[in-house]
Protein backbone atom coordinates (compact mmCIF):
# COMPACT_ATOMS: atom_id res chain seq x y z
CA MET A 1 -8.47 33.07 -39.05
CA SER A 2 -11.57 32.15 -36.70
CA ARG A 3 -13.07 30.55 -40.07
CA LEU A 4 -9.92 28.07 -39.83
CA LEU A 5 -10.50 27.78 -36.31
CA LEU A 6 -13.99 26.73 -36.70
CA GLN A 7 -13.05 24.08 -39.66
CA ASN A 8 -10.61 22.82 -37.00
CA LEU A 9 -13.03 22.45 -34.39
CA LEU A 10 -15.59 21.07 -36.28
CA HIS A 11 -13.76 18.71 -38.15
CA GLU A 12 -11.44 17.09 -35.18
CA ARG A 13 -13.36 16.11 -32.55
CA VAL A 14 -11.01 14.32 -30.38
CA GLU A 15 -12.04 12.20 -27.57
CA MET A 16 -10.19 13.27 -24.40
CA THR A 17 -11.56 12.75 -20.88
CA THR A 18 -11.20 16.25 -18.89
CA ASP A 19 -12.81 16.44 -14.84
CA ALA A 20 -15.65 18.84 -14.97
CA LEU A 21 -14.86 22.40 -14.31
CA ASN A 22 -16.88 25.71 -13.91
CA VAL A 23 -16.29 27.51 -17.30
CA LEU A 24 -16.34 31.31 -18.65
CA LEU A 25 -15.88 31.52 -22.28
CA VAL A 26 -15.50 35.01 -23.19
CA GLU A 27 -15.29 35.46 -27.19
CA ASP A 28 -16.50 38.22 -29.42
CA ASP A 29 -17.03 36.15 -32.11
CA PRO A 30 -20.29 34.75 -32.31
CA ASP A 31 -19.81 31.69 -34.47
CA LEU A 32 -16.40 31.10 -33.01
CA ARG A 33 -18.02 31.25 -29.03
CA ALA A 34 -21.22 28.72 -30.14
CA THR A 35 -18.84 26.38 -31.79
CA LEU A 36 -16.32 26.57 -28.44
CA HIS A 37 -20.02 26.72 -25.91
CA ASP A 38 -20.91 22.98 -27.78
CA LEU A 39 -18.03 21.36 -27.80
CA LEU A 40 -17.20 22.01 -23.94
CA GLN A 41 -20.37 21.72 -22.66
CA ASP A 42 -20.28 17.97 -24.79
CA SER A 43 -16.94 17.09 -22.75
CA GLY A 44 -18.93 17.60 -19.67
CA HIS A 45 -17.87 20.84 -18.81
CA THR A 46 -20.55 23.99 -17.33
CA VAL A 47 -20.44 26.57 -19.46
CA GLU A 48 -21.41 30.18 -19.65
CA ALA A 49 -20.32 32.46 -22.61
CA LEU A 50 -20.11 36.15 -22.70
CA ASP A 51 -19.08 38.21 -25.79
CA ASN A 52 -18.07 41.50 -23.39
CA GLY A 53 -14.63 41.66 -21.22
CA GLN A 54 -16.34 44.12 -18.70
CA VAL A 55 -19.36 41.86 -18.36
CA ALA A 56 -16.94 38.98 -18.05
CA ALA A 57 -14.88 40.87 -15.19
CA GLU A 58 -18.42 41.40 -13.29
CA ARG A 59 -19.52 37.49 -13.78
CA ALA A 60 -15.93 36.45 -12.41
CA ALA A 61 -16.24 39.12 -9.28
CA ALA A 62 -20.08 37.47 -8.83
CA SER A 63 -19.32 33.57 -9.01
CA PHE A 64 -16.57 31.09 -8.42
CA PHE A 65 -15.20 29.75 -12.27
CA ASP A 66 -12.44 27.07 -12.13
CA VAL A 67 -11.40 28.55 -15.56
CA VAL A 68 -11.32 31.74 -17.77
CA LEU A 69 -11.35 31.25 -21.44
CA SER A 70 -10.84 33.90 -22.98
CA ASP A 71 -9.67 35.95 -26.40
CA VAL A 72 -6.97 38.78 -25.87
CA GLN A 73 -9.02 41.06 -28.11
CA LEU A 74 -12.55 42.14 -26.58
CA PRO A 75 -14.69 44.90 -26.40
CA GLY A 76 -15.08 46.55 -23.31
CA MET A 77 -12.01 45.08 -21.54
CA GLY A 78 -9.06 43.08 -23.21
CA GLY A 79 -7.86 39.51 -22.08
CA ARG A 80 -5.35 41.03 -20.28
CA GLN A 81 -7.05 43.17 -18.36
CA LEU A 82 -9.58 40.75 -17.39
CA LEU A 83 -6.98 38.78 -16.52
CA ALA A 84 -5.64 40.96 -13.62
CA HIS A 85 -9.58 41.24 -12.55
CA VAL A 86 -9.97 38.17 -11.63
CA ARG A 87 -6.27 37.18 -10.22
CA GLN A 88 -7.58 40.10 -8.09
CA THR A 89 -11.32 38.88 -7.18
CA SER A 90 -10.80 35.33 -7.68
CA PRO A 91 -7.10 34.23 -7.32
CA ASP A 92 -8.10 30.70 -7.40
CA THR A 93 -9.47 30.75 -10.69
CA SER A 94 -6.92 29.80 -13.52
CA VAL A 95 -6.69 31.66 -16.97
CA ILE A 96 -5.84 30.75 -20.32
CA LEU A 97 -6.10 33.28 -22.94
CA ILE A 98 -6.72 32.91 -26.65
CA THR A 99 -4.29 34.56 -29.01
CA GLY A 100 -4.00 35.19 -32.67
CA TYR A 101 -0.12 34.55 -34.16
CA GLY A 102 0.40 38.34 -34.20
CA ASP A 103 -0.51 38.39 -30.23
CA VAL A 104 1.72 35.71 -28.90
CA ALA A 105 3.95 38.07 -27.60
CA GLN A 106 1.04 39.38 -25.32
CA ALA A 107 0.21 36.12 -24.38
CA VAL A 108 3.69 36.00 -23.31
CA ALA A 109 3.84 38.54 -21.41
CA ALA A 110 0.23 37.35 -19.88
CA LEU A 111 2.16 34.21 -18.60
CA ARG A 112 4.58 36.23 -16.49
CA GLU A 113 1.55 38.25 -15.20
CA GLY A 114 -0.03 35.20 -13.88
CA ALA A 115 -1.88 33.35 -17.02
CA SER A 116 -2.19 30.03 -16.50
CA ASP A 117 -1.65 28.88 -20.35
CA TYR A 118 -2.67 30.14 -23.65
CA LEU A 119 -3.68 28.91 -26.86
CA THR A 120 -2.57 30.59 -30.76
CA LYS A 121 -5.26 30.35 -33.54
CA PRO A 122 -5.58 28.05 -35.14
CA PHE A 123 -6.11 25.24 -32.09
CA ASP A 124 -7.59 22.18 -32.40
CA VAL A 125 -9.56 20.26 -29.67
CA ASP A 126 -7.37 17.93 -28.22
CA GLU A 127 -5.00 20.92 -27.37
CA LEU A 128 -7.95 23.04 -25.70
CA LEU A 129 -8.98 19.81 -23.66
CA SER A 130 -5.16 18.82 -22.89
CA ARG A 131 -5.21 22.78 -21.57
CA LEU A 132 -8.47 22.27 -19.51
CA LYS A 133 -7.46 18.94 -18.15
CA ARG A 134 -4.26 20.18 -17.17
CA VAL A 135 -6.44 23.24 -15.30
CA ALA A 136 -8.89 20.31 -13.61
CA GLU A 137 -5.55 18.53 -12.18
CA ARG A 138 -4.33 22.25 -10.60
CA GLN A 139 -7.71 22.63 -9.08
CA THR A 140 -7.57 18.84 -7.79
CA LEU A 141 -3.81 19.68 -5.81
CA ARG A 142 -5.20 22.92 -4.61
CA LEU A 143 -8.20 20.49 -3.14
CA GLU A 144 -6.30 17.71 -2.02
CA LEU A 145 -3.70 20.39 -0.29
CA ALA A 146 -6.35 22.01 1.11
CA ARG A 147 -8.24 19.44 2.80
CA ALA A 148 -4.79 17.89 4.16
CA LYS A 149 -4.41 21.14 5.63
CA GLN A 150 -7.49 21.57 7.23
CA ALA A 151 -7.38 18.29 8.30
CA LEU A 152 -3.98 19.03 9.88
CA ALA A 153 -5.31 22.00 11.72
CA THR A 154 -6.46 21.16 14.59
CA GLY A 155 -2.50 19.43 15.49
CA LEU A 156 -1.38 16.21 15.66
CA PRO A 157 0.57 14.64 18.49
CA GLU A 158 4.44 13.74 17.53
CA THR A 159 3.74 10.00 17.68
CA SER A 160 0.62 10.20 14.96
CA PHE A 161 0.73 8.37 11.92
CA ILE A 162 -0.03 10.12 8.76
CA GLY A 163 -2.89 8.75 6.45
CA ASP A 164 -6.12 7.88 5.58
CA SER A 165 -5.63 4.74 2.87
CA PRO A 166 -6.31 1.60 3.30
CA PRO A 167 -3.33 0.73 4.50
CA VAL A 168 -2.53 2.54 6.58
CA ARG A 169 -6.21 2.27 8.30
CA LYS A 170 -5.50 -1.51 8.55
CA LEU A 171 -1.95 -0.72 10.18
CA LEU A 172 -3.54 1.75 13.03
CA HIS A 173 -6.65 -1.26 13.44
CA HIS A 174 -3.69 -3.80 13.77
CA ILE A 175 -1.69 -1.77 16.45
CA HIS A 176 -5.00 -0.88 18.17
CA LYS A 177 -5.33 -4.48 18.86
CA VAL A 178 -1.60 -5.17 19.49
CA ALA A 179 -1.03 -2.36 21.73
CA PRO A 180 -3.05 -3.33 24.70
CA SER A 181 -1.43 -7.34 24.70
CA GLY A 182 2.01 -6.75 26.51
CA SER A 183 3.35 -9.28 24.10
CA PRO A 184 6.62 -8.78 22.26
CA CYS A 185 6.25 -7.52 18.62
CA LEU A 186 8.37 -7.36 15.57
CA ILE A 187 7.24 -4.44 13.30
CA VAL A 188 8.56 -5.04 9.60
CA GLY A 189 8.88 -2.52 7.20
CA GLU A 190 11.84 -1.07 4.70
CA SER A 191 13.98 1.87 5.65
CA GLY A 192 12.00 4.81 6.17
CA THR A 193 8.48 3.88 6.97
CA GLY A 194 7.94 4.82 10.60
CA LYS A 195 9.30 1.58 12.23
CA GLU A 196 10.15 3.79 15.57
CA LEU A 197 7.41 5.99 15.32
CA VAL A 198 4.69 3.08 15.49
CA ALA A 199 7.21 1.33 18.34
CA ARG A 200 6.02 4.35 20.30
CA ILE A 201 2.74 4.49 19.25
CA ILE A 202 2.33 0.88 20.40
CA HIS A 203 4.02 1.93 23.81
CA GLU A 204 1.30 4.93 24.49
CA GLN A 205 -1.26 2.58 23.65
CA SER A 206 -0.42 0.14 26.00
CA PRO A 207 -0.68 -0.24 29.84
CA ARG A 208 2.54 0.75 30.44
CA ARG A 209 2.12 4.35 28.32
CA ASP A 210 3.27 5.80 31.95
CA ARG A 211 6.22 3.90 32.54
CA PRO A 212 9.58 4.25 31.03
CA TYR A 213 10.03 3.46 26.93
CA VAL A 214 13.99 3.22 26.09
CA THR A 215 14.77 2.43 22.86
CA ILE A 216 18.55 0.89 21.45
CA ASN A 217 20.00 0.76 17.24
CA CYS A 218 21.28 -2.56 17.49
CA GLY A 219 23.33 -1.65 14.13
CA ALA A 220 24.62 1.54 15.65
CA LEU A 221 27.23 -0.14 18.31
CA ALA A 222 29.99 -2.38 18.22
CA GLU A 223 29.78 -5.82 18.38
CA HIS A 224 31.70 -5.84 21.71
CA LEU A 225 29.68 -3.05 23.67
CA VAL A 226 25.69 -4.67 22.40
CA GLU A 227 25.81 -6.95 25.87
CA ALA A 228 27.34 -3.81 27.79
CA GLU A 229 24.36 -1.32 26.33
CA LEU A 230 21.55 -3.98 26.68
CA PHE A 231 22.51 -5.29 30.29
CA GLY A 232 24.97 -3.00 31.96
CA HIS A 233 28.57 -3.94 33.20
CA GLU A 234 30.02 -4.12 36.39
CA ARG A 235 33.36 -1.77 36.61
CA GLY A 236 36.35 -3.25 35.04
CA ALA A 237 34.35 -5.69 33.17
CA PHE A 238 36.50 -4.58 30.13
CA THR A 239 38.89 -2.15 28.95
CA GLY A 240 36.64 1.32 29.40
CA ALA A 241 34.43 0.43 32.09
CA ASP A 242 35.60 2.73 34.39
CA LYS A 243 32.77 2.64 36.63
CA LYS A 244 29.10 0.45 37.04
CA ARG A 245 26.53 1.04 34.38
CA GLU A 246 22.94 -0.02 33.91
CA GLY A 247 21.73 -1.50 30.95
CA ARG A 248 18.93 -0.45 28.42
CA PHE A 249 16.93 -3.11 30.26
CA LYS A 250 16.98 -2.46 33.67
CA ALA A 251 16.51 1.48 32.82
CA ALA A 252 12.93 -0.03 30.67
CA ASP A 253 11.97 -1.91 33.51
CA GLY A 254 8.44 -2.26 33.78
CA GLY A 255 7.98 -0.20 30.98
CA THR A 256 8.57 -0.89 26.91
CA LEU A 257 12.21 -1.55 25.04
CA PHE A 258 12.39 -0.73 21.31
CA LEU A 259 15.40 -2.98 20.12
CA ASP A 260 15.25 -1.21 16.67
CA GLU A 261 17.47 -3.69 13.51
CA ILE A 262 17.14 -6.36 15.76
CA GLY A 263 18.74 -7.87 12.99
CA GLU A 264 21.79 -6.63 13.42
CA LEU A 265 21.96 -8.22 17.23
CA PRO A 266 25.84 -10.56 17.54
CA MET A 267 24.59 -14.21 17.83
CA ALA A 268 26.35 -14.39 21.59
CA ALA A 269 23.78 -11.10 22.39
CA GLN A 270 20.98 -12.95 21.02
CA ALA A 271 21.10 -16.18 23.45
CA LYS A 272 21.23 -14.07 26.18
CA LEU A 273 18.13 -11.87 24.87
CA LEU A 274 16.34 -15.41 25.13
CA ARG A 275 17.07 -15.51 27.98
CA VAL A 276 14.91 -12.39 29.50
CA LEU A 277 11.96 -13.05 27.50
CA GLN A 278 11.72 -16.76 28.99
CA GLU A 279 12.48 -15.93 32.28
CA GLY A 280 12.83 -11.91 32.80
CA THR A 281 17.08 -11.91 34.28
CA PHE A 282 20.35 -11.63 33.16
CA GLU A 283 23.67 -10.83 34.75
CA PRO A 284 25.48 -7.83 33.65
CA LEU A 285 29.07 -8.36 32.52
CA GLY A 286 31.31 -9.12 34.91
CA SER A 287 29.00 -9.60 37.39
CA ASN A 288 27.39 -13.15 39.00
CA ALA A 289 24.19 -11.24 40.73
CA THR A 290 20.78 -11.96 38.52
CA VAL A 291 18.70 -8.97 37.84
CA LYS A 292 15.04 -9.27 37.20
CA VAL A 293 12.95 -7.00 35.33
CA ASP A 294 9.77 -6.67 33.72
CA VAL A 295 9.79 -5.46 30.27
CA ARG A 296 7.94 -5.75 27.19
CA VAL A 297 10.11 -5.80 24.57
CA VAL A 298 8.94 -4.58 21.26
CA SER A 299 11.65 -5.32 17.79
CA ALA A 300 11.89 -3.85 14.73
CA THR A 301 13.66 -5.01 11.38
CA HIS A 302 13.56 -3.95 8.17
CA ARG A 303 15.61 -7.05 7.35
CA ASP A 304 14.19 -10.83 6.38
CA LEU A 305 14.34 -12.71 9.57
CA ARG A 306 13.08 -15.98 8.33
CA LYS A 307 15.66 -16.07 5.59
CA MET A 308 18.53 -15.03 8.26
CA VAL A 309 17.09 -17.89 10.32
CA ARG A 310 17.51 -20.17 7.17
CA GLU A 311 21.24 -19.03 6.84
CA ARG A 312 21.65 -19.47 10.66
CA LEU A 313 22.30 -15.94 10.91
CA PHE A 314 19.38 -15.62 13.82
CA ARG A 315 18.37 -17.61 16.43
CA GLU A 316 15.14 -19.81 15.08
CA ASP A 317 13.51 -20.08 18.91
CA LEU A 318 14.79 -16.04 19.36
CA TYR A 319 12.50 -15.48 15.96
CA TYR A 320 9.26 -16.79 17.80
CA ARG A 321 10.00 -15.15 20.70
CA ILE A 322 10.54 -11.71 19.11
CA ASN A 323 7.48 -12.07 16.62
CA VAL A 324 4.65 -13.27 19.35
CA VAL A 325 2.59 -10.42 16.90
CA GLU A 326 4.20 -9.18 13.53
CA VAL A 327 3.31 -5.36 12.47
CA PRO A 328 3.97 -5.15 9.41
CA ILE A 329 4.27 -1.06 7.65
CA PRO A 330 3.36 -0.81 4.11
CA PRO A 331 5.87 1.29 1.89
CA LEU A 332 4.78 4.99 0.81
CA ARG A 333 4.01 3.48 -2.69
CA ASP A 334 1.76 1.00 -1.44
CA ARG A 335 -0.05 4.16 0.13
CA MET A 336 0.31 7.21 -2.44
CA SER A 337 -3.28 8.48 -1.66
CA ASP A 338 -1.68 9.69 1.57
CA LEU A 339 0.69 12.06 -0.30
CA PRO A 340 -0.99 14.69 -0.28
CA LEU A 341 -1.53 14.89 3.81
CA LEU A 342 2.12 13.91 4.28
CA VAL A 343 3.26 16.82 2.18
CA GLN A 344 1.42 18.95 3.69
CA HIS A 345 2.38 17.77 7.17
CA PHE A 346 6.45 18.33 6.32
CA LEU A 347 5.35 21.50 4.49
CA LEU A 348 3.98 22.52 7.59
CA ARG A 349 6.37 21.70 10.13
CA GLN A 350 8.89 23.24 7.41
CA SER A 351 6.83 26.80 8.21
CA PRO A 352 5.57 26.97 11.39
CA ASN A 353 5.50 30.15 11.88
CA ARG A 354 4.21 31.68 8.38
CA PRO A 355 2.07 30.52 5.58
CA PRO A 356 3.49 27.10 3.98
CA ASN A 357 4.83 27.09 0.44
CA THR A 358 2.56 25.85 -2.72
CA LEU A 359 3.34 23.18 -5.27
CA SER A 360 3.29 23.94 -9.20
CA LEU A 361 1.58 20.89 -11.19
CA GLU A 362 4.80 19.83 -12.18
CA THR A 363 6.20 19.64 -9.01
CA TRP A 364 3.07 17.41 -7.89
CA ASN A 365 3.13 15.05 -10.81
CA VAL A 366 7.18 13.96 -10.11
CA LEU A 367 6.16 13.32 -6.55
CA LYS A 368 3.39 11.33 -7.40
CA GLY A 369 5.80 9.46 -10.27
CA HIS A 370 8.16 9.11 -7.80
CA SER A 371 8.73 5.35 -6.63
CA PHE A 372 10.24 6.54 -2.95
CA PRO A 373 12.42 3.91 -2.31
CA GLY A 374 13.35 6.28 0.92
CA ASN A 375 10.05 6.21 1.96
CA VAL A 376 8.35 8.57 3.98
CA ARG A 377 12.05 9.70 5.11
CA GLU A 378 12.90 10.22 1.57
CA LEU A 379 9.49 12.20 1.29
CA GLY A 380 10.40 14.46 4.45
CA HIS A 381 13.89 15.25 3.11
CA ALA A 382 12.67 16.29 -0.44
CA ILE A 383 10.38 18.67 1.27
CA SER A 384 12.43 20.20 3.52
CA HIS A 385 15.53 20.88 0.64
CA ALA A 386 12.80 22.18 -1.60
CA VAL A 387 11.69 24.63 1.06
CA ILE A 388 15.11 25.63 1.47
CA MET A 389 16.14 26.05 -2.19
CA ALA A 390 12.00 27.93 -3.00
CA GLN A 391 13.39 30.42 -0.77
CA GLY A 392 9.18 30.93 -0.09
CA ALA A 393 8.04 30.81 -2.94
CA GLU A 394 6.33 28.00 -5.29
CA ILE A 395 8.26 24.94 -5.14
CA ARG A 396 9.46 23.87 -8.50
CA PRO A 397 10.86 20.50 -9.88
CA GLU A 398 14.36 22.37 -10.06
CA HIS A 399 13.97 22.92 -6.09
CA LEU A 400 13.94 19.32 -5.19
CA PRO A 401 16.77 16.84 -5.61
CA ALA A 402 18.47 16.52 -7.95
CA ALA A 403 18.14 12.65 -8.27
CA MET A 404 14.30 12.77 -7.72
CA SER A 405 13.44 15.68 -9.90
CA PHE A 406 15.77 14.33 -12.74
CA ILE A 407 17.72 17.82 -12.91
CA ARG A 408 21.32 17.60 -13.61
CA PRO A 409 22.93 20.45 -12.11
CA ALA A 410 25.24 20.96 -14.39
CA ALA A 411 22.92 21.53 -16.98
CA LEU A 412 21.28 24.24 -14.69
CA ALA A 413 24.20 26.11 -14.56
CA ALA A 414 24.33 26.05 -18.30
CA GLN A 415 20.57 27.74 -18.57
CA ASP A 416 21.82 30.28 -15.79
CA GLU A 417 25.18 31.18 -17.82
CA GLN A 418 22.68 31.45 -21.10
CA ILE A 419 19.30 32.80 -21.33
CA VAL A 420 17.57 31.84 -24.03
CA PRO A 421 14.08 33.84 -25.63
CA LEU A 422 11.19 31.91 -24.50
CA MET A 423 9.58 31.43 -27.45
CA GLU A 424 13.19 30.00 -28.98
CA SER A 425 13.54 27.76 -25.99
CA MET A 426 9.71 26.58 -26.59
CA LYS A 427 10.12 25.26 -30.05
CA LYS A 428 13.23 23.85 -28.93
CA HIS A 429 11.48 21.68 -26.46
CA GLU A 430 8.30 21.24 -28.58
CA ARG A 431 10.40 19.99 -31.72
CA GLU A 432 12.70 17.65 -29.18
CA CYS A 433 9.64 16.37 -27.91
CA ILE A 434 8.13 15.53 -31.32
CA GLN A 435 11.35 14.00 -32.34
CA ARG A 436 11.62 11.52 -29.26
CA ALA A 437 7.37 10.54 -30.21
CA ILE A 438 8.71 9.72 -33.67
CA ASN A 439 11.03 7.52 -32.57
CA ALA A 440 9.08 6.19 -29.75
CA SER A 441 6.15 4.92 -32.38
CA GLY A 442 8.71 3.24 -34.70
CA GLY A 443 8.04 6.35 -37.46
CA VAL A 444 3.84 5.36 -37.59
CA PRO A 445 2.02 8.89 -37.23
CA SER A 446 -0.81 8.34 -35.70
CA LYS A 447 1.23 6.10 -32.71
CA ALA A 448 3.49 9.68 -32.29
CA ALA A 449 -0.01 11.48 -32.29
CA ALA A 450 -1.07 9.62 -29.72
CA LEU A 451 1.82 9.94 -27.86
CA LEU A 452 2.17 13.34 -27.37
CA LYS A 453 -2.14 13.62 -27.45
CA ILE A 454 -2.79 15.63 -30.10
CA SER A 455 -4.04 14.41 -33.64
CA PRO A 456 -2.63 13.15 -36.75
CA SER A 457 -3.91 16.73 -38.63
CA SER A 458 -2.18 18.84 -35.59
CA LEU A 459 0.64 17.17 -35.90
CA GLN A 460 1.11 16.71 -39.42
CA THR A 461 1.38 20.91 -39.28
CA LYS A 462 3.84 20.78 -36.69
CA LEU A 463 5.99 18.51 -38.48
CA LYS A 464 6.10 21.26 -41.31
CA ALA A 465 6.74 23.77 -38.67
CA HIS A 466 9.90 22.07 -37.70
CA GLY A 467 10.89 20.90 -41.19
CA LEU A 468 10.66 17.03 -39.14
CA VAL A 469 9.55 14.04 -41.74
CA ILE A 470 8.39 10.41 -40.94
CA SER A 471 10.00 8.32 -43.61
């Protein structure tokens, strides 16, 4: 068996880029051990090779290895015993077991005991390097989330904008210049990007920070109530006005008024708002008395106000009054390098009194591959949903909202009703993946192999095993 494996390894050196790992190789077959050692070193990994499970356990306890690549059958200590030892002494080390076909049941049991993966002899280079690449991705994820957790460990004010990507640094630099000016500014960005948070930061970095900060969502009020909310009203000014009330402008006197979704403001209210910005005065509804205020107006919208001006849905003179300075917020898809910080932030917020959940690599890949049309708000909702569904366990893709994880609830229910043996399920899934690759490649074997990230000869072997034919 090992001679066939050696032939595969010697003749199928498939190029594959992997992140460098510190590998402890444990194999008692000297020829196979030497071949694997050279192949792994040629691929950029640091490798220490041993032939004894007991010695390997001692080395894994003494020094950190990213991954232990071990045969199941070893002298001194078997692979599963070594796995248990490594899990106890070095829980951040991944373990990949190498097994003969007759020992697959042992390998599957080892997966339940915490092994990261297993390889069945004979295997080829691309299979091995693919598994190591997954280990590298898991290590990268673990480090990114650990760094994010450390960055957030000191505790951040509620008005901190989470992120360290170039777009966020540019935004924060822009805010730092805009906030002290006192000029009206318009915050623009898609829904869920954090416009209200940016408005609050602008207020707190301004000379008005100790004065009132008042908000109003222009799109959340009935049209006939907008003016009353903004400018106040006298008793009896309209049906239901049973007492005098000061409006938001008066409440914000000396401070900042945040007009969220200003694009929804009716034309009549736009005219009054323009006067306040020009003269600093207004009349409450039902009153002839002029009220003078000193208010900085910060506005926000997800709509294209320039287009609305062209369509005569928004006053051009008001547009230039509120948009002395524009503050654009980048969508999440343009700052995906902030994802670890944001995920860790939401995990910590969901678990203030206990260690936060961890994420599986598959979950992380789902998040990285998602376009987030709802931006940071959508991410926060997804993490909250996942924490609830995971019940303290590692967050898997099925714990995310169904629309994000692409798992249909009906399919999950069917899986719950009928438990399929693991090996049967894996074989069926492999066959389906191969069939999809054949279809996507137009029946070209080399292209199908490339899509599956395996060698052409490995594809041929799997085609025979599954009874598939490329015509």
